[in-house]
PDB file of N, CA and C in Angstrom:
ATOM      1  N   MET A   1     -61.325 -46.280  62.082  1.00  0.00           N
ATOM      2  CA  MET A   1     -60.097 -46.623  61.395  1.00  0.00           C
ATOM      3  C   MET A   1     -59.727 -45.488  60.451  1.00  0.00           C
ATOM      4  N   GLU A   2     -58.518 -45.021  60.552  1.00  0.00           N
ATOM      5  CA  GLU A   2     -58.078 -43.915  59.702  1.00  0.00           C
ATOM      6  C   GLU A   2     -57.518 -44.450  58.397  1.00  0.00           C
ATOM      7  N   ASN A   3     -57.824 -43.734  57.317  1.00  0.00           N
ATOM      8  CA  ASN A   3     -57.169 -44.059  56.055  1.00  0.00           C
ATOM      9  C   ASN A   3     -56.070 -43.038  55.820  1.00  0.00           C
ATOM     10  N   GLU A   4     -55.312 -43.209  54.745  1.00  0.00           N
ATOM     11  CA  GLU A   4     -54.173 -42.327  54.499  1.00  0.00           C
ATOM     12  C   GLU A   4     -54.591 -40.883  54.301  1.00  0.00           C
ATOM     13  N   ALA A   5     -55.737 -40.665  53.684  1.00  0.00           N
ATOM     14  CA  ALA A   5     -56.179 -39.297  53.419  1.00  0.00           C
ATOM     15  C   ALA A   5     -56.511 -38.562  54.709  1.00  0.00           C
ATOM     16  N   SER A   6     -57.182 -39.235  55.642  1.00  0.00           N
ATOM     17  CA  SER A   6     -57.569 -38.566  56.877  1.00  0.00           C
ATOM     18  C   SER A   6     -56.435 -38.470  57.882  1.00  0.00           C
ATOM     19  N   SER A   7     -55.426 -39.321  57.737  1.00  0.00           N
ATOM     20  CA  SER A   7     -54.316 -39.285  58.681  1.00  0.00           C
ATOM     21  C   SER A   7     -53.260 -38.252  58.298  1.00  0.00           C
ATOM     22  N   GLY A   8     -53.404 -37.646  57.141  1.00  0.00           N
ATOM     23  CA  GLY A   8     -52.470 -36.628  56.715  1.00  0.00           C
ATOM     24  C   GLY A   8     -51.251 -37.169  55.990  1.00  0.00           C
ATOM     25  N   LYS A   9     -51.154 -38.467  55.808  1.00  0.00           N
ATOM     26  CA  LYS A   9     -50.028 -39.057  55.088  1.00  0.00           C
ATOM     27  C   LYS A   9     -50.224 -38.868  53.591  1.00  0.00           C
ATOM     28  N   LYS A  10     -49.133 -38.588  52.918  1.00  0.00           N
ATOM     29  CA  LYS A  10     -49.199 -38.479  51.466  1.00  0.00           C
ATOM     30  C   LYS A  10     -48.919 -39.839  50.849  1.00  0.00           C
ATOM     31  N   ARG A  11     -49.715 -40.187  49.856  1.00  0.00           N
ATOM     32  CA  ARG A  11     -49.461 -41.418  49.129  1.00  0.00           C
ATOM     33  C   ARG A  11     -48.328 -41.174  48.146  1.00  0.00           C
ATOM     34  N   GLU A  12     -47.458 -42.144  48.023  1.00  0.00           N
ATOM     35  CA  GLU A  12     -46.344 -42.028  47.090  1.00  0.00           C
ATOM     36  C   GLU A  12     -46.828 -42.379  45.693  1.00  0.00           C
ATOM     37  N   ARG A  13     -46.425 -41.587  44.722  1.00  0.00           N
ATOM     38  CA  ARG A  13     -46.805 -41.855  43.340  1.00  0.00           C
ATOM     39  C   ARG A  13     -46.060 -43.070  42.830  1.00  0.00           C
ATOM     40  N   ILE A  14     -46.713 -43.821  41.983  1.00  0.00           N
ATOM     41  CA  ILE A  14     -46.084 -44.976  41.364  1.00  0.00           C
ATOM     42  C   ILE A  14     -45.258 -44.465  40.198  1.00  0.00           C
ATOM     43  N   SER A  15     -43.994 -44.864  40.163  1.00  0.00           N
ATOM     44  CA  SER A  15     -43.087 -44.354  39.146  1.00  0.00           C
ATOM     45  C   SER A  15     -43.501 -44.828  37.756  1.00  0.00           C
ATOM     46  N   LYS A  16     -43.106 -44.050  36.785  1.00  0.00           N
ATOM     47  CA  LYS A  16     -43.380 -44.403  35.393  1.00  0.00           C
ATOM     48  C   LYS A  16     -42.730 -45.737  35.048  1.00  0.00           C
ATOM     49  N   CYS A  17     -41.572 -45.976  35.610  1.00  0.00           N
ATOM     50  CA  CYS A  17     -40.860 -47.232  35.372  1.00  0.00           C
ATOM     51  C   CYS A  17     -41.707 -48.426  35.832  1.00  0.00           C
ATOM     52  N   LYS A  18     -42.323 -48.319  37.001  1.00  0.00           N
ATOM     53  CA  LYS A  18     -43.174 -49.401  37.512  1.00  0.00           C
ATOM     54  C   LYS A  18     -44.414 -49.590  36.638  1.00  0.00           C
ATOM     55  N   ARG A  19     -44.997 -48.476  36.195  1.00  0.00           N
ATOM     56  CA  ARG A  19     -46.179 -48.585  35.323  1.00  0.00           C
ATOM     57  C   ARG A  19     -45.810 -49.235  33.997  1.00  0.00           C
ATOM     58  N   GLU A  20     -44.636 -48.865  33.456  1.00  0.00           N
ATOM     59  CA  GLU A  20     -44.180 -49.476  32.204  1.00  0.00           C
ATOM     60  C   GLU A  20     -43.872 -50.959  32.404  1.00  0.00           C
ATOM     61  N   GLU A  21     -43.377 -51.311  33.589  1.00  0.00           N
ATOM     62  CA  GLU A  21     -43.130 -52.716  33.907  1.00  0.00           C
ATOM     63  C   GLU A  21     -44.446 -53.498  33.882  1.00  0.00           C
ATOM     64  N   CYS A  22     -45.492 -52.927  34.453  1.00  0.00           N
ATOM     65  CA  CYS A  22     -46.814 -53.574  34.417  1.00  0.00           C
ATOM     66  C   CYS A  22     -47.289 -53.744  32.977  1.00  0.00           C
ATOM     67  N   LEU A  23     -47.113 -52.711  32.183  1.00  0.00           N
ATOM     68  CA  LEU A  23     -47.531 -52.777  30.786  1.00  0.00           C
ATOM     69  C   LEU A  23     -46.806 -53.903  30.060  1.00  0.00           C
ATOM     70  N   ALA A  24     -45.505 -54.028  30.270  1.00  0.00           N
ATOM     71  CA  ALA A  24     -44.735 -55.097  29.636  1.00  0.00           C
ATOM     72  C   ALA A  24     -45.214 -56.471  30.100  1.00  0.00           C
ATOM     73  N   LEU A  25     -45.541 -56.586  31.374  1.00  0.00           N
ATOM     74  CA  LEU A  25     -46.053 -57.858  31.894  1.00  0.00           C
ATOM     75  C   LEU A  25     -47.407 -58.196  31.283  1.00  0.00           C
ATOM     76  N   PHE A  26     -48.280 -57.208  31.118  1.00  0.00           N
ATOM     77  CA  PHE A  26     -49.578 -57.453  30.486  1.00  0.00           C
ATOM     78  C   PHE A  26     -49.383 -57.917  29.047  1.00  0.00           C
ATOM     79  N   ARG A  27     -48.472 -57.252  28.353  1.00  0.00           N
ATOM     80  CA  ARG A  27     -48.226 -57.602  26.951  1.00  0.00           C
ATOM     81  C   ARG A  27     -47.641 -59.005  26.813  1.00  0.00           C
ATOM     82  N   SER A  28     -46.955 -59.475  27.852  1.00  0.00           N
ATOM     83  CA  SER A  28     -46.395 -60.829  27.805  1.00  0.00           C
ATOM     84  C   SER A  28     -47.401 -61.881  28.266  1.00  0.00           C
ATOM     85  N   GLY A  29     -48.609 -61.436  28.646  1.00  0.00           N
ATOM     86  CA  GLY A  29     -49.666 -62.370  28.992  1.00  0.00           C
ATOM     87  C   GLY A  29     -49.928 -62.557  30.473  1.00  0.00           C
ATOM     88  N   CYS A  30     -49.256 -61.810  31.321  1.00  0.00           N
ATOM     89  CA  CYS A  30     -49.477 -61.940  32.764  1.00  0.00           C
ATOM     90  C   CYS A  30     -50.829 -61.361  33.165  1.00  0.00           C
ATOM     91  N   GLY A  31     -51.435 -61.962  34.142  1.00  0.00           N
ATOM     92  CA  GLY A  31     -52.648 -61.423  34.745  1.00  0.00           C
ATOM     93  C   GLY A  31     -52.278 -60.394  35.797  1.00  0.00           C
ATOM     94  N   TYR A  32     -53.294 -59.774  36.378  1.00  0.00           N
ATOM     95  CA  TYR A  32     -53.005 -58.695  37.326  1.00  0.00           C
ATOM     96  C   TYR A  32     -52.356 -59.193  38.617  1.00  0.00           C
ATOM     97  N   LYS A  33     -52.719 -60.383  39.080  1.00  0.00           N
ATOM     98  CA  LYS A  33     -52.140 -60.885  40.327  1.00  0.00           C
ATOM     99  C   LYS A  33     -50.645 -61.167  40.167  1.00  0.00           C
ATOM    100  N   LYS A  34     -50.291 -61.801  39.072  1.00  0.00           N
ATOM    101  CA  LYS A  34     -48.886 -62.094  38.837  1.00  0.00           C
ATOM    102  C   LYS A  34     -48.107 -60.807  38.588  1.00  0.00           C
ATOM    103  N   ALA A  35     -48.685 -59.893  37.817  1.00  0.00           N
ATOM    104  CA  ALA A  35     -48.025 -58.614  37.539  1.00  0.00           C
ATOM    105  C   ALA A  35     -47.819 -57.836  38.833  1.00  0.00           C
ATOM    106  N   ALA A  36     -48.794 -57.864  39.718  1.00  0.00           N
ATOM    107  CA  ALA A  36     -48.673 -57.169  41.004  1.00  0.00           C
ATOM    108  C   ALA A  36     -47.566 -57.785  41.846  1.00  0.00           C
ATOM    109  N   ARG A  37     -47.515 -59.103  41.870  1.00  0.00           N
ATOM    110  CA  ARG A  37     -46.495 -59.788  42.660  1.00  0.00           C
ATOM    111  C   ARG A  37     -45.093 -59.488  42.108  1.00  0.00           C
ATOM    112  N   LEU A  38     -44.936 -59.534  40.797  1.00  0.00           N
ATOM    113  CA  LEU A  38     -43.625 -59.311  40.189  1.00  0.00           C
ATOM    114  C   LEU A  38     -43.170 -57.856  40.288  1.00  0.00           C
ATOM    115  N   SER A  39     -44.120 -56.932  40.219  1.00  0.00           N
ATOM    116  CA  SER A  39     -43.758 -55.510  40.252  1.00  0.00           C
ATOM    117  C   SER A  39     -43.724 -54.945  41.670  1.00  0.00           C
ATOM    118  N   GLY A  40     -44.315 -55.661  42.616  1.00  0.00           N
ATOM    119  CA  GLY A  40     -44.335 -55.182  43.993  1.00  0.00           C
ATOM    120  C   GLY A  40     -45.397 -54.125  44.246  1.00  0.00           C
ATOM    121  N   LEU A  41     -46.380 -54.040  43.361  1.00  0.00           N
ATOM    122  CA  LEU A  41     -47.451 -53.058  43.512  1.00  0.00           C
ATOM    123  C   LEU A  41     -48.700 -53.715  44.090  1.00  0.00           C
ATOM    124  N   ASN A  42     -49.611 -52.891  44.574  1.00  0.00           N
ATOM    125  CA  ASN A  42     -50.881 -53.354  45.113  1.00  0.00           C
ATOM    126  C   ASN A  42     -51.700 -54.028  44.008  1.00  0.00           C
ATOM    127  N   ALA A  43     -52.281 -55.168  44.315  1.00  0.00           N
ATOM    128  CA  ALA A  43     -53.036 -55.934  43.316  1.00  0.00           C
ATOM    129  C   ALA A  43     -54.228 -55.158  42.780  1.00  0.00           C
ATOM    130  N   TYR A  44     -54.883 -54.370  43.608  1.00  0.00           N
ATOM    131  CA  TYR A  44     -56.052 -53.620  43.143  1.00  0.00           C
ATOM    132  C   TYR A  44     -55.645 -52.510  42.173  1.00  0.00           C
ATOM    133  N   THR A  45     -54.493 -51.907  42.413  1.00  0.00           N
ATOM    134  CA  THR A  45     -53.990 -50.889  41.502  1.00  0.00           C
ATOM    135  C   THR A  45     -53.662 -51.515  40.161  1.00  0.00           C
ATOM    136  N   VAL A  46     -52.970 -52.655  40.182  1.00  0.00           N
ATOM    137  CA  VAL A  46     -52.584 -53.333  38.948  1.00  0.00           C
ATOM    138  C   VAL A  46     -53.821 -53.850  38.221  1.00  0.00           C
ATOM    139  N   ARG A  47     -54.836 -54.271  38.960  1.00  0.00           N
ATOM    140  CA  ARG A  47     -56.078 -54.718  38.329  1.00  0.00           C
ATOM    141  C   ARG A  47     -56.722 -53.574  37.551  1.00  0.00           C
ATOM    142  N   GLU A  48     -56.704 -52.379  38.127  1.00  0.00           N
ATOM    143  CA  GLU A  48     -57.251 -51.214  37.428  1.00  0.00           C
ATOM    144  C   GLU A  48     -56.430 -50.904  36.180  1.00  0.00           C
ATOM    145  N   TYR A  49     -55.108 -51.000  36.284  1.00  0.00           N
ATOM    146  CA  TYR A  49     -54.254 -50.806  35.105  1.00  0.00           C
ATOM    147  C   TYR A  49     -54.615 -51.811  34.017  1.00  0.00           C
ATOM    148  N   LEU A  50     -54.825 -53.083  34.393  1.00  0.00           N
ATOM    149  CA  LEU A  50     -55.162 -54.116  33.415  1.00  0.00           C
ATOM    150  C   LEU A  50     -56.504 -53.830  32.761  1.00  0.00           C
ATOM    151  N   ARG A  51     -57.479 -53.399  33.535  1.00  0.00           N
ATOM    152  CA  ARG A  51     -58.785 -53.048  32.966  1.00  0.00           C
ATOM    153  C   ARG A  51     -58.653 -51.944  31.928  1.00  0.00           C
ATOM    154  N   ARG A  52     -57.855 -50.935  32.253  1.00  0.00           N
ATOM    155  CA  ARG A  52     -57.657 -49.825  31.324  1.00  0.00           C
ATOM    156  C   ARG A  52     -56.870 -50.282  30.099  1.00  0.00           C
ATOM    157  N   TYR A  53     -55.886 -51.149  30.299  1.00  0.00           N
ATOM    158  CA  TYR A  53     -55.099 -51.693  29.194  1.00  0.00           C
ATOM    159  C   TYR A  53     -56.008 -52.457  28.225  1.00  0.00           C
ATOM    160  N   LYS A  54     -56.878 -53.308  28.771  1.00  0.00           N
ATOM    161  CA  LYS A  54     -57.790 -54.092  27.924  1.00  0.00           C
ATOM    162  C   LYS A  54     -58.783 -53.210  27.187  1.00  0.00           C
ATOM    163  N   ALA A  55     -59.101 -52.052  27.761  1.00  0.00           N
ATOM    164  CA  ALA A  55     -60.023 -51.111  27.118  1.00  0.00           C
ATOM    165  C   ALA A  55     -59.314 -50.235  26.082  1.00  0.00           C
ATOM    166  N   GLY A  56     -58.000 -50.393  25.968  1.00  0.00           N
ATOM    167  CA  GLY A  56     -57.250 -49.621  24.986  1.00  0.00           C
ATOM    168  C   GLY A  56     -56.726 -48.294  25.503  1.00  0.00           C
ATOM    169  N   ASP A  57     -56.854 -48.054  26.795  1.00  0.00           N
ATOM    170  CA  ASP A  57     -56.393 -46.798  27.399  1.00  0.00           C
ATOM    171  C   ASP A  57     -54.998 -47.016  27.982  1.00  0.00           C
ATOM    172  N   LEU A  58     -53.996 -46.405  27.364  1.00  0.00           N
ATOM    173  CA  LEU A  58     -52.627 -46.528  27.858  1.00  0.00           C
ATOM    174  C   LEU A  58     -52.132 -45.253  28.516  1.00  0.00           C
ATOM    175  N   SER A  59     -53.027 -44.309  28.768  1.00  0.00           N
ATOM    176  CA  SER A  59     -52.628 -43.034  29.363  1.00  0.00           C
ATOM    177  C   SER A  59     -52.028 -43.222  30.756  1.00  0.00           C
ATOM    178  N   TRP A  60     -52.450 -44.240  31.476  1.00  0.00           N
ATOM    179  CA  TRP A  60     -51.949 -44.503  32.825  1.00  0.00           C
ATOM    180  C   TRP A  60     -50.467 -44.879  32.807  1.00  0.00           C
ATOM    181  N   ALA A  61     -50.008 -45.491  31.717  1.00  0.00           N
ATOM    182  CA  ALA A  61     -48.628 -45.966  31.651  1.00  0.00           C
ATOM    183  C   ALA A  61     -47.644 -44.880  31.251  1.00  0.00           C
ATOM    184  N   ASP A  62     -48.137 -43.817  30.644  1.00  0.00           N
ATOM    185  CA  ASP A  62     -47.236 -42.830  30.063  1.00  0.00           C
ATOM    186  C   ASP A  62     -47.311 -41.466  30.719  1.00  0.00           C
ATOM    187  N   ARG A  63     -47.973 -41.356  31.840  1.00  0.00           N
ATOM    188  CA  ARG A  63     -48.064 -40.032  32.467  1.00  0.00           C
ATOM    189  C   ARG A  63     -47.004 -39.885  33.545  1.00  0.00           C
ATOM    190  N   GLY A  64     -46.711 -38.664  33.871  1.00  0.00           N
ATOM    191  CA  GLY A  64     -45.769 -38.400  34.949  1.00  0.00           C
ATOM    192  C   GLY A  64     -44.356 -38.202  34.475  1.00  0.00           C
ATOM    193  N   LYS A  65     -43.503 -38.019  35.433  1.00  0.00           N
ATOM    194  CA  LYS A  65     -42.097 -37.767  35.152  1.00  0.00           C
ATOM    195  C   LYS A  65     -41.420 -39.029  34.652  1.00  0.00           C
ATOM    196  N   ASP A  66     -40.377 -38.842  33.897  1.00  0.00           N
ATOM    197  CA  ASP A  66     -39.619 -39.961  33.330  1.00  0.00           C
ATOM    198  C   ASP A  66     -38.406 -40.277  34.193  1.00  0.00           C
ATOM    199  N   ILE A  67     -38.525 -40.083  35.495  1.00  0.00           N
ATOM    200  CA  ILE A  67     -37.430 -40.380  36.413  1.00  0.00           C
ATOM    201  C   ILE A  67     -37.921 -41.445  37.381  1.00  0.00           C
ATOM    202  N   SER A  68     -37.160 -42.497  37.489  1.00  0.00           N
ATOM    203  CA  SER A  68     -37.512 -43.546  38.442  1.00  0.00           C
ATOM    204  C   SER A  68     -36.325 -43.786  39.358  1.00  0.00           C
ATOM    205  N   HIS A  69     -36.614 -44.308  40.511  1.00  0.00           N
ATOM    206  CA  HIS A  69     -35.572 -44.577  41.486  1.00  0.00           C
ATOM    207  C   HIS A  69     -35.649 -46.042  41.874  1.00  0.00           C
ATOM    208  N   ASP A  70     -34.502 -46.641  42.073  1.00  0.00           N
ATOM    209  CA  ASP A  70     -34.514 -48.014  42.552  1.00  0.00           C
ATOM    210  C   ASP A  70     -34.737 -47.999  44.069  1.00  0.00           C
ATOM    211  N   ASP A  71     -34.669 -49.155  44.689  1.00  0.00           N
ATOM    212  CA  ASP A  71     -34.947 -49.255  46.116  1.00  0.00           C
ATOM    213  C   ASP A  71     -33.973 -48.455  46.980  1.00  0.00           C
ATOM    214  N   TYR A  72     -32.852 -48.085  46.425  1.00  0.00           N
ATOM    215  CA  TYR A  72     -31.845 -47.349  47.182  1.00  0.00           C
ATOM    216  C   TYR A  72     -31.909 -45.852  46.913  1.00  0.00           C
ATOM    217  N   GLY A  73     -32.884 -45.409  46.114  1.00  0.00           N
ATOM    218  CA  GLY A  73     -33.070 -43.998  45.864  1.00  0.00           C
ATOM    219  C   GLY A  73     -32.159 -43.426  44.795  1.00  0.00           C
ATOM    220  N   SER A  74     -31.451 -44.272  44.063  1.00  0.00           N
ATOM    221  CA  SER A  74     -30.561 -43.760  43.028  1.00  0.00           C
ATOM    222  C   SER A  74     -31.283 -43.732  41.690  1.00  0.00           C
ATOM    223  N   ARG A  75     -30.650 -43.169  40.719  1.00  0.00           N
ATOM    224  CA  ARG A  75     -31.230 -43.090  39.388  1.00  0.00           C
ATOM    225  C   ARG A  75     -30.593 -44.111  38.454  1.00  0.00           C
ATOM    226  N   SER A  76     -30.107 -45.199  38.990  1.00  0.00           N
ATOM    227  CA  SER A  76     -29.367 -46.168  38.188  1.00  0.00           C
ATOM    228  C   SER A  76     -30.221 -46.779  37.083  1.00  0.00           C
ATOM    229  N   GLN A  77     -31.492 -47.018  37.333  1.00  0.00           N
ATOM    230  CA  GLN A  77     -32.352 -47.602  36.312  1.00  0.00           C
ATOM    231  C   GLN A  77     -32.510 -46.655  35.130  1.00  0.00           C
ATOM    232  N   VAL A  78     -32.706 -45.389  35.426  1.00  0.00           N
ATOM    233  CA  VAL A  78     -32.872 -44.402  34.369  1.00  0.00           C
ATOM    234  C   VAL A  78     -31.582 -44.260  33.579  1.00  0.00           C
ATOM    235  N   GLN A  79     -30.463 -44.209  34.273  1.00  0.00           N
ATOM    236  CA  GLN A  79     -29.184 -44.076  33.589  1.00  0.00           C
ATOM    237  C   GLN A  79     -28.920 -45.290  32.709  1.00  0.00           C
ATOM    238  N   TYR A  80     -29.234 -46.476  33.178  1.00  0.00           N
ATOM    239  CA  TYR A  80     -29.046 -47.684  32.392  1.00  0.00           C
ATOM    240  C   TYR A  80     -29.927 -47.655  31.153  1.00  0.00           C
ATOM    241  N   ARG A  81     -31.210 -47.327  31.346  1.00  0.00           N
ATOM    242  CA  ARG A  81     -32.133 -47.269  30.221  1.00  0.00           C
ATOM    243  C   ARG A  81     -31.718 -46.214  29.217  1.00  0.00           C
ATOM    244  N   ASP A  82     -31.325 -45.037  29.719  1.00  0.00           N
ATOM    245  CA  ASP A  82     -30.960 -43.934  28.833  1.00  0.00           C
ATOM    246  C   ASP A  82     -29.658 -44.200  28.097  1.00  0.00           C
ATOM    247  N   SER A  83     -28.846 -45.120  28.588  1.00  0.00           N
ATOM    248  CA  SER A  83     -27.595 -45.411  27.896  1.00  0.00           C
ATOM    249  C   SER A  83     -27.838 -46.065  26.541  1.00  0.00           C
ATOM    250  N   PHE A  84     -29.048 -46.591  26.316  1.00  0.00           N
ATOM    251  CA  PHE A  84     -29.367 -47.209  25.050  1.00  0.00           C
ATOM    252  C   PHE A  84     -30.044 -46.264  24.068  1.00  0.00           C
ATOM    253  N   ARG A  85     -30.398 -45.093  24.550  1.00  0.00           N
ATOM    254  CA  ARG A  85     -31.064 -44.113  23.692  1.00  0.00           C
ATOM    255  C   ARG A  85     -30.016 -43.254  22.979  1.00  0.00           C
ATOM    256  N   ASN A  86     -30.407 -42.725  21.836  1.00  0.00           N
ATOM    257  CA  ASN A  86     -29.498 -41.840  21.093  1.00  0.00           C
ATOM    258  C   ASN A  86     -29.512 -40.459  21.635  1.00  0.00           C
TER     259      ASN A  86
END
């Protein structure tokens, strides 16, 4: 059975927006399964985020580019969010 690494496929990075969404869900009391379902991310990935969150490590939520794309590939989420910033 081939995995993504051996098949030559590149894994897509999880956007900062999605990681911040997980962080907000954790802060509101959601567990990893519910956070994974609501964010559309893999449960094992979100479980690792929750473990790091509980340990006080928030580096996973704040790394990477500050550009996110919605399902249609546009930057509408970023533009909406940035409209509230000074």
